[in-house]
Amino acid sequence: MGRIYGKPIITQEEIQRRIRELGQRITLDYEGRPLILVGVLKGAFAFHSDLARAIRLPLKIDFLVVSSYGSRGHSSGVVKIISDLTEKIEGQHILLVEDIVDSGLTVSYLKKSLLVRKPKSIKACTLLNKPERRKTEVSIEYVGFTIPNHYVVGYGLDYENKYRNLPYIAVLDVSDQG
């Protein structure tokens, strides 16, 4: 098993504090307007759940399962929707909830794909923003933390589907992963 070295780069307490702040801002921004919170699975499951509880509005919750990663945690550059929304989004305000935005390809693809369904608005919220890895420009209206270009795990983020259960964000030494 690989080492998770050093202290977490973002602690559980820092994550929860930032989610409360994001929840307050989203509550103010969408006050009086119906909102569908769309989690992008698997990575966003923990963030989506905590964020939903921090938003003080009557929400609808939905999920997309998306694949954009090939082997060993490297993006394939091809985004595929594996499991689609169950809610109708026409005329609705949509907030996409991502665990991490690095290349920007997934958020860009999802926004374009969902826009054809005629939502009233579509915005993005991510726990982690990694702008050094951008391959396409994408607007992210709500950002938890901007991080440097390291491979991170925890709080929903994984390496080969492991480490999602860590309550914090840590850098993974992938050279130890054999």
Foldseek 3Di string as FASTA:
>chain_A
DFDQDDDFPWALVLLLVLLLVLQVVVLVVQPPFEEEEEEEDDQCPLVSVSNVVSHPDDYHYWYWYKDQPDPFGHGPLDIDTPDDTPDQQAQHEYEYEEAEDAQVSHVVVVVVVCVVSHHPYYAYAYAEYEDVRHPDDDDHPHYNYYDYPAQKAECRRDGVPPRPDHSGITGTPSVPVD
